[in-house]
Protein backbone atom coordinates (compact mmCIF):
# COMPACT_ATOMS: atom_id res chain seq x y z
CA MET A 1 0.00 0.00 0.00
CA PRO A 2 1.66 3.29 -1.01
CA SER A 3 1.97 5.92 1.67
CA VAL A 4 0.88 8.79 -0.58
CA SER A 5 -2.43 8.82 -2.41
CA LYS A 6 -2.09 8.35 -6.14
CA THR A 7 -4.67 11.06 -6.65
CA ALA A 8 -2.59 13.58 -4.77
CA ALA A 9 0.91 12.29 -5.37
CA ASN A 10 1.70 14.49 -8.34
CA ALA A 11 1.30 17.80 -6.56
CA SER A 12 0.51 17.22 -2.90
CA PRO A 13 2.93 15.78 -0.31
CA GLN A 14 0.24 14.90 2.23
CA THR A 15 -0.06 11.27 3.36
CA GLU A 16 -3.48 9.64 3.13
CA LYS A 17 -4.66 7.08 5.66
CA PRO A 18 -5.34 3.63 4.13
CA THR A 19 -9.11 3.91 4.61
CA HIS A 20 -9.20 7.42 3.18
CA TYR A 21 -7.04 6.32 0.25
CA THR A 22 -9.39 3.44 -0.54
CA TYR A 23 -12.48 5.63 -0.59
CA LEU A 24 -10.82 8.42 -2.59
CA LYS A 25 -9.57 5.96 -5.19
CA GLU A 26 -12.21 3.22 -5.43
CA PHE A 27 -15.57 4.19 -3.87
CA ARG A 28 -18.29 3.97 -6.55
CA THR A 29 -15.70 4.06 -9.37
CA GLU A 30 -16.21 0.43 -10.52
CA GLN A 31 -19.39 -1.49 -11.27
CA CYS A 32 -20.48 -4.14 -8.78
CA PRO A 33 -19.76 -7.65 -10.21
CA LEU A 34 -22.36 -9.30 -7.97
CA PHE A 35 -25.06 -6.92 -9.21
CA LEU A 36 -24.40 -8.07 -12.77
CA GLN A 37 -25.15 -11.59 -11.54
CA HIS A 38 -28.25 -10.36 -9.64
CA LYS A 39 -26.65 -11.50 -6.37
CA CYS A 40 -25.74 -8.24 -4.62
CA THR A 41 -27.49 -8.10 -1.24
CA GLN A 42 -26.77 -4.37 -0.74
CA HIS A 43 -29.00 -3.10 -3.51
CA ARG A 44 -32.12 -2.41 -1.42
CA PRO A 45 -31.30 -0.20 0.33
CA PHE A 46 -28.39 0.80 -1.86
CA THR A 47 -25.32 0.64 0.39
CA CYS A 48 -22.92 -1.16 -1.94
CA PHE A 49 -19.33 0.10 -2.16
CA HIS A 50 -19.52 -0.10 -5.97
CA TRP A 51 -22.02 1.45 -8.38
CA HIS A 52 -24.96 -0.48 -9.79
CA PHE A 53 -26.38 2.01 -12.30
CA LEU A 54 -24.52 4.55 -14.40
CA ASN A 55 -25.92 7.59 -12.56
CA GLN A 56 -24.30 6.22 -9.39
CA ARG A 57 -20.85 6.11 -10.99
CA ARG A 58 -18.23 8.51 -9.64
CA ARG A 59 -15.07 9.63 -11.43
CA ARG A 60 -11.82 9.34 -9.52
CA PRO A 61 -10.54 12.83 -8.54
CA ILE A 62 -6.98 13.53 -9.70
CA ARG A 63 -4.69 16.48 -9.07
CA ARG A 64 -2.63 16.92 -12.23
CA ARG A 65 1.04 17.77 -12.37
CA ASP A 66 0.21 21.42 -13.01
CA GLY A 67 -1.69 21.51 -9.70
CA THR A 68 -5.23 21.58 -11.13
CA PHE A 69 -8.03 19.06 -10.61
CA ASN A 70 -9.35 16.89 -13.44
CA TYR A 71 -12.81 18.22 -12.55
CA SER A 72 -14.04 21.05 -10.36
CA PRO A 73 -15.14 20.22 -6.79
CA ASP A 74 -17.65 23.10 -6.77
CA VAL A 75 -19.05 23.98 -10.21
CA TYR A 76 -21.68 21.52 -11.47
CA CYS A 77 -21.94 20.46 -15.11
CA THR A 78 -25.07 21.71 -16.88
CA LYS A 79 -24.95 18.95 -19.52
CA TYR A 80 -24.89 15.96 -17.16
CA ASP A 81 -28.11 13.89 -17.13
CA GLU A 82 -28.82 12.86 -13.55
CA THR A 83 -31.24 10.13 -14.72
CA THR A 84 -29.04 8.34 -17.23
CA GLY A 85 -25.68 9.33 -15.76
CA ILE A 86 -24.39 10.42 -19.17
CA CYS A 87 -22.44 13.58 -19.99
CA PRO A 88 -21.68 14.47 -23.63
CA ASP A 89 -18.11 15.31 -22.63
CA GLY A 90 -17.62 11.98 -20.84
CA ASP A 91 -14.94 11.59 -18.19
CA ASP A 92 -13.03 14.54 -19.67
CA CYS A 93 -15.73 16.95 -18.49
CA PRO A 94 -14.00 19.56 -16.28
CA TYR A 95 -17.13 20.13 -14.17
CA LEU A 96 -18.77 18.29 -11.31
CA HIS A 97 -21.36 15.60 -12.12
CA ARG A 98 -24.32 15.47 -9.75
CA THR A 99 -24.33 11.71 -9.24
CA THR A 100 -26.69 9.88 -6.89
CA GLY A 101 -25.86 11.01 -3.37
CA ASP A 102 -23.64 13.79 -4.77
CA THR A 103 -20.68 11.42 -4.36
CA GLU A 104 -18.36 13.20 -6.79
CA ARG A 105 -18.34 16.26 -4.54
CA LYS A 106 -18.53 14.54 -1.14
CA TYR A 107 -15.67 12.15 -1.94
CA HIS A 108 -13.54 14.71 -3.79
CA LEU A 109 -9.99 15.39 -2.64
CA ARG A 110 -11.15 18.88 -1.71
CA TYR A 111 -13.92 17.87 0.70
CA TYR A 112 -13.81 14.18 1.75
CA LYS A 113 -13.44 13.85 5.55
CA THR A 114 -12.44 17.52 5.91
CA GLY A 115 -15.42 18.35 8.10
CA THR A 116 -16.82 16.78 11.27
CA CYS A 117 -20.15 14.93 11.06
CA ILE A 118 -22.97 16.24 13.26
CA HIS A 119 -24.37 12.74 13.83
CA GLU A 120 -23.26 10.11 16.34
CA THR A 121 -21.97 6.59 15.66
CA ASP A 122 -23.57 3.30 16.61
CA ALA A 123 -22.00 0.38 18.50
CA ARG A 124 -20.16 -0.73 15.36
CA GLY A 125 -18.69 2.73 14.82
CA HIS A 126 -20.92 3.51 11.82
CA CYS A 127 -22.69 6.85 11.37
CA VAL A 128 -26.30 6.55 12.54
CA LYS A 129 -27.42 8.84 9.68
CA ASN A 130 -25.13 8.09 6.74
CA GLY A 131 -24.06 4.54 7.58
CA LEU A 132 -20.72 2.88 6.86
CA HIS A 133 -19.78 5.17 3.96
CA CYS A 134 -20.18 8.52 5.74
CA ALA A 135 -18.12 11.20 3.96
CA PHE A 136 -17.63 13.24 7.13
CA ALA A 137 -15.16 12.65 9.95
CA HIS A 138 -16.20 11.08 13.24
CA GLY A 139 -13.52 12.36 15.58
CA PRO A 140 -10.09 14.00 15.15
CA HIS A 141 -8.50 10.70 14.12
CA ASP A 142 -10.81 10.54 11.08
CA LEU A 143 -10.12 14.05 9.80
CA ARG A 144 -7.92 14.68 6.78
CA PRO A 145 -6.59 17.99 5.40
CA PRO A 146 -8.19 19.10 2.12
CA VAL A 147 -6.26 19.02 -1.14
CA TYR A 148 -6.51 22.37 -2.94
CA ASP A 149 -6.45 23.32 -6.58
CA ILE A 150 -3.33 25.39 -7.35
CA ARG A 151 -5.54 28.32 -8.36
CA GLU A 152 -7.23 28.30 -4.96
CA ILE A 153 -3.85 28.17 -3.23
CA GLN A 154 -2.63 31.13 -5.26
CA ALA A 155 -5.73 33.11 -4.31
CA GLN A 156 -5.23 32.25 -0.65
CA GLU A 157 -1.58 33.26 -0.79
CA ALA A 158 -2.63 36.58 -2.27
CA LEU A 159 -4.99 37.06 0.65
CA GLN A 160 -2.27 36.17 3.14
CA ASN A 161 0.10 38.66 1.52
CA GLY A 162 -2.02 41.61 2.52
CA GLN A 163 -5.05 41.70 0.26
CA LEU A 164 -7.29 40.58 3.12
CA ALA A 165 -7.02 43.28 5.78
CA SER A 166 -9.07 41.47 8.38
CA GLY A 167 -6.78 38.44 8.19
CA GLU A 168 -3.76 40.38 9.38
CA GLY A 169 -2.55 39.55 12.84
CA ILE A 170 -4.62 36.36 13.08
CA PRO A 171 -2.21 33.45 13.60
CA ASP A 172 -2.40 29.92 12.17
CA LEU A 173 -5.41 30.45 9.89
CA GLN A 174 -6.17 27.58 7.51
CA PRO A 175 -6.52 28.56 3.83
CA GLY A 176 -10.19 27.51 3.89
CA VAL A 177 -10.81 29.92 6.77
CA LEU A 178 -9.13 32.72 4.85
CA ALA A 179 -11.26 31.96 1.82
CA SER A 180 -14.43 32.11 3.92
CA GLN A 181 -13.22 35.34 5.49
CA ALA A 182 -12.56 36.74 2.03
CA MET A 183 -16.15 36.02 1.00
CA ILE A 184 -17.43 37.70 4.16
CA GLU A 185 -15.21 40.72 3.51
CA LYS A 186 -16.58 40.88 -0.04
CA THR A 187 -20.16 40.82 1.26
CA LEU A 188 -19.45 43.54 3.83
CA THR A 189 -17.73 45.67 1.21
CA GLU A 190 -20.67 45.40 -1.17
CA ASP A 191 -23.19 46.21 1.56
CA PRO A 192 -21.72 47.73 4.78
CA ARG A 193 -25.11 47.47 6.48
CA TRP A 194 -24.32 43.83 7.31
CA GLN A 195 -21.89 45.13 9.94
CA ASP A 196 -24.86 46.42 11.96
CA THR A 197 -26.35 43.90 14.39
CA ASN A 198 -29.89 45.20 13.99
CA PHE A 199 -29.65 44.88 10.20
CA VAL A 200 -28.34 41.30 10.55
CA LEU A 201 -31.19 40.36 12.91
CA ALA A 202 -33.77 41.80 10.52
CA ASN A 203 -32.38 40.59 7.18
CA TYR A 204 -29.95 37.67 7.56
CA LYS A 205 -31.25 34.65 5.57
CA THR A 206 -34.65 36.29 4.96
CA ASP A 207 -34.28 36.73 1.18
CA GLN A 208 -33.53 34.01 -1.36
CA CYS A 209 -30.08 33.92 -2.93
CA THR A 210 -30.06 35.24 -6.49
CA LYS A 211 -27.51 32.69 -7.67
CA PRO A 212 -28.77 29.51 -9.42
CA PRO A 213 -29.67 26.62 -7.08
CA ARG A 214 -26.70 24.77 -5.58
CA LEU A 215 -24.16 27.03 -7.27
CA CYS A 216 -23.58 29.36 -4.34
CA ARG A 217 -20.73 27.93 -2.29
CA GLN A 218 -20.55 30.70 0.36
CA GLY A 219 -22.54 28.80 3.00
CA TYR A 220 -22.95 30.91 6.15
CA ALA A 221 -20.93 33.66 4.44
CA CYS A 222 -23.89 34.20 2.09
CA PRO A 223 -26.45 36.37 3.89
CA HIS A 224 -29.32 34.90 1.83
CA TYR A 225 -31.08 31.55 2.15
CA HIS A 226 -30.75 28.68 -0.32
CA ASN A 227 -33.50 26.31 0.82
CA SER A 228 -36.43 26.13 3.22
CA ARG A 229 -34.30 24.84 6.12
CA ASP A 230 -31.88 27.74 5.70
CA ARG A 231 -34.60 30.41 5.58
CA ARG A 232 -35.54 32.85 8.35
CA ARG A 233 -38.71 34.84 8.69
CA ASN A 234 -38.14 38.54 9.27
CA PRO A 235 -39.00 38.99 12.96
CA ARG A 236 -40.09 42.56 12.21
CA LYS A 237 -42.93 41.21 10.07
CA PHE A 238 -43.61 37.87 11.76
CA LYS A 239 -43.93 37.56 15.54
CA TYR A 240 -42.70 34.15 16.64
CA ARG A 241 -41.06 32.75 19.76
CA SER A 242 -37.62 31.24 20.13
CA THR A 243 -39.23 27.87 20.96
CA PRO A 244 -38.92 25.23 18.18
CA CYS A 245 -42.14 24.23 16.44
CA PRO A 246 -43.10 20.69 17.60
CA ASN A 247 -44.29 19.85 14.08
CA VAL A 248 -40.85 20.63 12.58
CA LYS A 249 -38.27 19.66 15.22
CA HIS A 250 -38.24 16.14 16.62
CA GLY A 251 -35.54 15.48 19.20
CA ASP A 252 -32.31 17.04 17.92
CA GLU A 253 -33.33 16.95 14.25
CA TRP A 254 -34.95 19.86 12.37
CA GLY A 255 -37.36 18.71 9.68
CA GLU A 256 -38.98 20.53 6.78
CA PRO A 257 -40.81 23.76 7.76
CA SER A 258 -43.58 22.71 5.37
CA LYS A 259 -44.63 20.07 7.92
CA CYS A 260 -46.22 22.87 9.96
CA ASP A 261 -49.70 23.75 8.73
CA GLY A 262 -49.38 27.21 10.27
CA GLY A 263 -46.76 28.29 7.76
CA ASP A 264 -45.27 31.74 8.25
CA SER A 265 -48.03 32.63 10.73
CA CYS A 266 -46.84 29.96 13.19
CA GLN A 267 -45.67 31.44 16.49
CA TYR A 268 -42.72 29.01 16.82
CA CYS A 269 -39.33 28.69 15.12
CA HIS A 270 -39.16 26.59 11.95
CA SER A 271 -35.39 26.28 11.49
CA ARG A 272 -32.17 26.26 13.45
CA THR A 273 -31.29 29.58 11.81
CA GLU A 274 -34.54 31.15 13.02
CA GLN A 275 -33.86 29.99 16.57
CA GLN A 276 -30.19 31.00 16.71
CA PHE A 277 -30.90 34.45 15.24
CA HIS A 278 -34.02 35.07 17.31
CA PRO A 279 -33.75 38.34 19.27
CA GLU A 280 -34.36 36.47 22.54
CA ILE A 281 -31.41 34.09 21.96
CA TYR A 282 -29.08 35.95 19.59
CA LYS A 283 -25.64 36.62 21.15
CA SER A 284 -26.77 35.21 24.53
CA THR A 285 -24.15 32.41 24.51
CA LYS A 286 -20.43 32.76 23.93
CA CYS A 287 -19.04 31.43 20.65
CA ASN A 288 -17.18 28.10 21.00
CA ASP A 289 -14.66 29.11 18.33
CA MET A 290 -13.79 32.18 20.36
CA ARG A 291 -13.46 30.07 23.49
CA GLN A 292 -11.13 27.55 21.86
CA THR A 293 -9.11 29.55 19.31
CA GLY A 294 -9.88 33.20 20.00
CA TYR A 295 -11.12 33.62 16.42
CA CYS A 296 -14.46 33.00 14.68
CA PRO A 297 -14.56 32.57 10.88
CA ARG A 298 -18.24 33.55 10.71
CA GLY A 299 -17.58 37.16 11.69
CA PRO A 300 -20.74 39.29 11.83
CA PHE A 301 -22.83 36.30 10.70
CA CYS A 302 -22.17 34.38 13.92
CA ALA A 303 -25.20 34.04 16.20
CA PHE A 304 -23.04 33.75 19.32
CA ALA A 305 -21.24 36.37 21.38
CA HIS A 306 -17.55 37.04 20.67
CA VAL A 307 -16.92 39.10 23.82
CA GLU A 308 -17.69 37.74 27.25
CA SER A 309 -19.24 40.95 28.49
CA LYS A 310 -21.49 41.21 25.47
CA TRP A 311 -23.66 38.19 26.15
CA LYS A 312 -24.00 39.28 29.76
CA ILE A 313 -25.13 42.70 28.58
CA VAL A 314 -27.72 41.06 26.34
CA LEU A 315 -29.20 39.38 29.40
CA ILE A 316 -29.24 42.69 31.29
CA LEU A 317 -30.92 44.44 28.38
CA SER A 318 -33.48 41.63 28.23
CA PHE A 319 -34.15 42.40 31.90
CA ILE A 320 -34.73 46.10 31.08
CA LYS A 321 -36.97 45.11 28.17
CA TYR A 322 -39.19 43.05 30.43
CA TYR A 323 -39.22 45.75 33.11
CA ASN A 324 -40.30 48.38 30.60
CA ARG A 325 -43.08 46.17 29.22
CA GLN A 326 -44.40 45.28 32.67
CA LEU A 327 -44.25 48.90 33.82
CA GLN A 328 -46.16 50.19 30.82
CA THR A 329 -48.71 47.37 31.08
CA PHE A 330 -49.25 48.11 34.77
CA PHE A 331 -49.71 51.84 34.28
CA GLU A 332 -51.49 51.67 30.90
CA PRO A 333 -54.41 54.15 31.15
CA SER A 334 -57.85 52.79 30.38
CA GLU A 335 -59.39 56.28 30.10
CA PRO A 336 -57.82 59.54 28.93
CA HIS A 337 -58.52 61.53 32.11
CA THR A 338 -57.84 59.43 35.17
CA THR A 339 -55.52 59.46 38.14
CA GLN A 340 -53.81 56.41 36.62
CA ASN A 341 -52.98 58.42 33.53
CA THR A 342 -51.37 61.09 35.69
CA VAL A 343 -49.24 58.48 37.47
CA PHE A 344 -48.20 56.96 34.13
CA SER A 345 -47.14 60.34 32.75
CA ALA A 346 -45.02 60.83 35.84
CA VAL A 347 -43.42 57.38 35.88
CA ASN A 348 -42.69 57.22 32.15
CA PRO A 349 -39.87 59.83 32.25
CA LEU A 350 -38.47 58.04 35.30
CA ALA A 351 -38.43 54.74 33.40
CA SER A 352 -36.81 56.41 30.43
CA SER A 353 -34.18 58.05 32.63
CA PHE A 354 -33.57 54.77 34.49
CA THR A 355 -33.09 52.68 31.37
CA SER A 356 -31.08 55.38 29.63
CA SER A 357 -28.72 55.62 32.58
CA ILE A 358 -28.23 51.84 32.65
CA THR A 359 -27.61 51.80 28.91
CA SER A 360 -25.14 54.66 29.19
CA SER A 361 -23.23 52.87 31.92
CA LEU A 362 -23.22 49.66 29.92
CA ALA A 363 -22.01 51.49 26.83
CA SER A 364 -19.27 53.19 28.77
CA SER A 365 -18.18 49.88 30.26
CA ILE A 366 -18.13 48.35 26.81
CA GLY A 367 -16.18 51.26 25.40
CA SER A 368 -13.53 50.79 28.03
CA ASP A 369 -13.03 47.18 26.95
CA SER A 370 -10.28 47.14 24.34
CA SER A 371 -11.11 43.57 23.31
CA SER A 372 -14.60 44.49 22.07
CA PRO A 373 -14.31 47.40 19.64
CA THR A 374 -17.52 46.53 17.80
CA THR A 375 -19.75 46.06 20.80
CA LEU A 376 -20.27 49.75 21.48
CA SER A 377 -21.73 50.39 18.05
CA THR A 378 -23.91 47.33 18.46
CA MET A 379 -25.35 48.59 21.75
CA ASN A 380 -25.55 52.25 20.67
CA ALA A 381 -28.36 54.01 22.47
CA LYS A 382 -29.46 55.70 19.25
CA ALA A 383 -29.64 52.49 17.19
CA THR A 384 -32.81 51.86 15.21
CA PRO A 385 -35.31 49.75 17.22
CA PHE A 386 -35.41 46.12 16.10
CA TYR A 387 -39.05 45.62 17.02
CA PRO A 388 -41.25 48.65 16.26
CA GLY A 389 -43.57 49.84 18.96
CA SER A 390 -43.30 50.89 22.58
CA ASN A 391 -43.07 47.49 24.26
CA THR A 392 -39.38 46.78 23.70
CA VAL A 393 -36.16 47.75 25.37
CA GLU A 394 -34.94 49.27 22.10
CA SER A 395 -37.84 51.75 22.16
CA VAL A 396 -36.74 52.88 25.62
CA ILE A 397 -33.02 52.91 24.93
CA GLY A 398 -33.34 54.47 21.50
CA ASN A 399 -35.76 57.28 22.54
CA GLY A 400 -33.44 60.26 23.02
CA SER A 401 -36.31 62.72 23.15
CA PHE A 402 -37.12 61.84 26.74
CA SER A 403 -35.62 64.34 29.11
CA PRO A 404 -33.97 62.94 32.23
CA SER A 405 -35.24 65.93 34.18
CA PRO A 406 -38.56 65.30 35.96
CA SER A 407 -41.79 66.84 34.74
CA PRO A 408 -43.88 69.15 36.97
CA VAL A 409 -46.18 66.27 37.85
CA PHE A 410 -43.21 64.16 38.79
CA SER A 411 -41.86 67.05 40.92
CA SER A 412 -45.10 67.18 42.84
CA LEU A 413 -44.98 63.42 43.24
CA THR A 414 -41.42 63.41 44.54
CA SER A 415 -42.22 66.22 46.96
CA THR A 416 -44.37 63.81 48.93
CA THR A 417 -42.34 60.68 48.29
CA SER A 418 -38.84 60.28 49.59
CA SER A 419 -36.02 58.98 47.42
CA ALA A 420 -35.58 56.09 49.85
CA ASP A 421 -39.17 54.98 49.21
CA LEU A 422 -38.64 55.18 45.48
CA ALA A 423 -35.44 53.15 45.74
CA ARG A 424 -37.25 50.56 47.85
CA LEU A 425 -40.09 50.37 45.33
CA PHE A 426 -37.60 49.87 42.51
CA ARG A 427 -35.83 47.12 44.44
CA GLU A 428 -39.13 45.35 45.08
CA LEU A 429 -40.09 45.78 41.44
CA ASP A 430 -36.74 44.36 40.35
CA GLU A 431 -37.14 41.35 42.63
CA ALA A 432 -40.69 40.75 41.43
CA LYS A 433 -39.55 41.03 37.83
CA ARG A 434 -36.75 38.54 38.45
CA LYS A 435 -39.15 36.01 39.94
CA ILE A 436 -41.65 36.51 37.12
CA LYS A 437 -38.85 35.97 34.60
CA GLN A 438 -37.84 32.73 36.32
CA TRP A 439 -41.46 31.52 36.41
CA GLU A 440 -41.91 32.42 32.76
CA GLU A 441 -38.81 30.51 31.71
CA ALA A 442 -39.74 27.50 33.83
CA TRP A 443 -43.28 27.55 32.44
CA HIS A 444 -42.05 27.67 28.83
CA GLN A 445 -39.66 24.78 29.47
CA VAL A 446 -42.35 22.69 31.15
CA LYS A 447 -44.82 23.49 28.38
CA GLN A 448 -42.33 22.54 25.69
CA ALA A 449 -41.42 19.30 27.46
CA CYS A 450 -45.11 18.53 28.05
CA GLU A 451 -45.97 19.06 24.39
CA ALA A 452 -43.10 16.83 23.31
CA CYS A 453 -44.12 14.13 25.81
CA GLN A 454 -47.73 14.31 24.69
CA LYS A 455 -46.73 13.94 21.07
CA ASP A 456 -44.40 11.02 21.85
CA ALA A 457 -47.09 9.38 23.97
CA HIS A 458 -49.66 9.78 21.19
CA GLU A 459 -47.29 8.29 18.61
CA ALA A 460 -46.37 5.43 20.95
CA LYS A 461 -50.05 4.77 21.62
CA GLU A 462 -50.85 4.65 17.91
CA GLN A 463 -47.91 2.34 17.27
CA ALA A 464 -49.01 0.10 20.15
CA LYS A 465 -52.55 -0.07 18.73
CA THR A 466 -51.24 -1.00 15.30
CA ALA A 467 -48.87 -3.61 16.73
CA GLU A 468 -51.63 -5.11 18.88
CA ALA A 469 -53.99 -5.34 15.90
CA GLU A 470 -51.30 -7.03 13.81
CA ARG A 471 -50.52 -9.42 16.65
CA GLN A 472 -54.16 -10.41 17.09
CA LEU A 473 -54.57 -10.94 13.34
CA ALA A 474 -51.44 -13.09 13.25
CA GLU A 475 -52.68 -15.13 16.20
CA GLN A 476 -56.02 -15.70 14.51
CA LYS A 477 -54.36 -16.84 11.30
CA TRP A 478 -52.02 -19.10 13.23
CA GLU A 479 -54.88 -20.69 15.19
CA GLU A 480 -56.92 -21.18 12.02
CA THR A 481 -53.97 -22.79 10.26
CA GLU A 482 -53.30 -25.11 13.20
CA ARG A 483 -56.94 -26.11 13.34
CA LYS A 484 -57.04 -26.97 9.64
CA LEU A 485 -53.76 -28.83 9.92
CA LYS A 486 -55.06 -30.96 12.78
CA GLU A 487 -58.21 -31.76 10.84
CA LEU A 488 -56.28 -32.77 7.77
CA GLN A 489 -53.85 -34.84 9.83
CA GLY A 490 -56.78 -36.64 11.45
CA ASP A 491 -58.38 -37.37 8.11
CA PHE A 492 -55.04 -38.51 6.77
CA ASP A 493 -54.52 -40.89 9.71
CA VAL A 494 -57.98 -42.39 9.20
CA LEU A 495 -57.24 -42.93 5.54
CA CYS A 496 -53.95 -44.61 6.37
CA ARG A 497 -55.50 -47.00 8.91
CA THR A 498 -58.58 -47.96 6.94
CA PRO A 499 -58.22 -50.42 3.99
CA GLY A 500 -60.01 -49.66 0.81
CA THR A 501 -61.65 -46.38 0.08
CA PRO A 502 -64.03 -45.48 2.95
CA LEU A 503 -64.81 -42.10 1.45
CA LEU A 504 -65.96 -43.72 -1.78
CA ARG A 505 -67.96 -46.42 0.02
CA SER A 506 -70.07 -43.76 1.66
CA TYR A 507 -71.45 -42.98 -1.77
CA GLY A 508 -72.54 -46.58 -2.39
CA GLU A 509 -71.87 -48.51 -5.60
CA LEU A 510 -69.87 -46.23 -7.90
CA GLU A 511 -71.08 -48.01 -11.04
CA GLN A 512 -74.67 -47.08 -10.22
CA LEU A 513 -73.97 -43.35 -9.67
CA PRO A 514 -74.75 -40.80 -12.40
CA LEU A 515 -71.81 -39.42 -14.37
CA SER A 516 -72.36 -35.89 -13.01
CA LYS A 517 -72.14 -37.20 -9.44
CA LEU A 518 -68.92 -39.02 -10.22
CA HIS A 519 -67.44 -35.81 -11.67
CA SER A 520 -68.42 -33.95 -8.51
CA ILE A 521 -66.79 -36.60 -6.28
CA GLN A 522 -63.66 -36.49 -8.48
CA SER A 523 -63.41 -32.72 -8.13
CA GLN A 524 -63.83 -32.87 -4.36
CA LEU A 525 -61.15 -35.55 -4.02
CA ARG A 526 -58.74 -33.51 -6.14
CA ASN A 527 -59.32 -30.43 -3.97
CA ASP A 528 -58.70 -32.48 -0.84
CA LEU A 529 -55.54 -33.91 -2.37
CA ASP A 530 -54.30 -30.41 -3.20
CA VAL A 531 -54.84 -29.37 0.41
CA ILE A 532 -52.96 -32.42 1.66
CA ASP A 533 -50.11 -31.71 -0.79
CA GLY A 534 -49.92 -28.14 0.47
CA VAL A 535 -49.64 -29.26 4.08
CA ILE A 536 -46.98 -31.80 3.19
CA TYR A 537 -45.04 -29.12 1.29
CA GLN A 538 -45.21 -26.71 4.22
CA LEU A 539 -43.93 -29.36 6.60
CA GLN A 540 -41.15 -30.45 4.27
CA SER A 541 -40.07 -26.87 3.47
CA LYS A 542 -39.09 -26.38 7.10
CA LYS A 543 -36.93 -29.50 7.27
CA CYS A 544 -33.32 -29.88 6.24
CA ILE A 545 -33.16 -31.24 2.67
CA VAL A 546 -30.39 -33.66 3.67
CA CYS A 547 -31.66 -35.36 6.82
CA GLN A 548 -35.38 -34.39 6.62
CA LYS A 549 -35.45 -34.49 10.43
CA HIS A 550 -34.28 -31.16 11.82
CA ASP A 551 -35.52 -27.67 11.01
CA ARG A 552 -33.52 -25.46 8.66
CA CYS A 553 -31.46 -22.77 10.45
CA ILE A 554 -28.36 -22.11 8.31
CA VAL A 555 -27.96 -19.50 5.51
CA LEU A 556 -25.19 -20.50 3.10
CA GLN A 557 -22.81 -17.89 1.68
CA PRO A 558 -22.58 -16.63 -0.98
CA CYS A 559 -25.56 -18.36 -2.60
CA GLN A 560 -27.92 -17.29 0.27
CA HIS A 561 -29.80 -20.62 0.28
CA TYR A 562 -31.61 -21.57 3.47
CA VAL A 563 -31.68 -25.38 3.17
CA LEU A 564 -29.53 -27.01 5.91
CA CYS A 565 -29.78 -27.64 9.63
CA GLU A 566 -26.96 -27.03 12.06
CA ASN A 567 -26.15 -30.76 12.21
CA CYS A 568 -25.66 -31.25 8.45
CA ALA A 569 -24.04 -27.90 7.56
CA PRO A 570 -20.52 -28.69 8.91
CA SER A 571 -20.19 -31.76 6.72
CA LYS A 572 -21.09 -29.97 3.45
CA THR A 573 -18.65 -28.09 1.20
CA GLU A 574 -21.17 -27.45 -1.57
CA CYS A 575 -24.72 -26.22 -1.47
CA PRO A 576 -27.00 -29.28 -1.96
CA TYR A 577 -29.47 -27.05 -3.76
CA CYS A 578 -27.33 -25.24 -6.38
CA ARG A 579 -23.95 -27.00 -5.99
CA ALA A 580 -22.20 -23.69 -5.37
CA LYS A 581 -19.11 -23.75 -3.18
CA ILE A 582 -19.83 -22.84 0.45
CA LEU A 583 -17.55 -20.05 1.74
CA LYS A 584 -19.21 -19.55 5.11
CA TRP A 585 -22.46 -20.09 6.92
């Protein structure tokens, strides 16, 4: 076994692991010989290592001596027929063929085993989602570095030499990371609004990508969606919670949003993107890439916080948001001229001053943090409100027209109320708000768990009903078969013990019977004989064809015949049914 892959040997010094080498070189590149003989057992479902039909055939990826690939790992061929598997340009086509399972791309030198699979492995070490032939790595030991086209390497070197300003000063960046960063920089240059957090929350993945389907390779670096699972609803237009929709998400898996009958009017999240970029969750958890490496390749399109203080501030601002909503709800006037209206007009400037002072202190604390230069602009007190209306923290923080100085009504109120009483009231209000927030979160969690349990219980109940009905039907058929078998065996025993033909004697002298009666008796006897033959065949089909005593229990390989018992199998080297050589059983 050579230590360097033949596909990469001409221009790449990297060493491929034996398993990786085998898949890169041979997976689905040759036709299955057993399938041609109609003996392949991995056809349904199709899990064979080799291809069965032409549209499953994959070309072997090769990096030529000049450093280019024999076909692109990204650009799909427009002439390739996905049904027949035929391209007019044949194997010389320089573009990617969309074979069954997209194997030409997944098992290309550029992508095979270069990313970590999101699914777990079973007891045998196979991917629970993609099976034995999973094209993604399951653990660090299974990862391999990508092989790049020379043109991509040249572009990356150009970026490293100063053409990518944001890459300067970032150590040990992989070329793929630099390429992704370059695409993000290009997007930000074309539309600087993507640098604003509010704009990202309102517009990221809400519009469809203008590029043809499957031709946009930017991934998360593309701010537009490419399919229904990648799409977000604009939370300015659609009010929905951060809780996953029970009709779309089952366990850890997100399904198709179309499974929800509510559509865009549903009040729950329909995709992982919608949940991660929901205003209630967005930037509330620190980014793992920042924790581990101190750098995140997703840049402004990352849904997680890059500065430790930032996600804490988000929680504090969520607190202010809830406080403002509860305060306005409590003091909302029901009539235009009431004492309650007077109190509300007095408290509203106080709330505005209170929240503005907290925001100012937070902004100043952020500004003093040299490690978070972008956070201050994100939390700017004059930023455009994300949710329109007066029931959000942004409406309080962003309203600069409120004067921190008290109104005349508030002056009259404070003349009779000491500052200590006001401070005490605010402390009690804060404590009450904190408890309400905890109860709300606990209630949402319990409700979500309850809904999931109810759905699982309903599905389990339906499955149990179906299984019970099938079991009862099988029992009835088994009992009926046993009853008929016993009757036939009894009749057969009587026939064997009695000389002559007792059934015929019951009809009297046969010579004196009419011809039509004789035909009727003949037909009845033939039917009975057919039944007896069927019973005999069923009994014999369960017995070993060699000894005719023991039940069959051995499957012979490779012919797959089920004809021997465990006593006779060891003494046979050939299948007694087809005379094929026995390799194992």
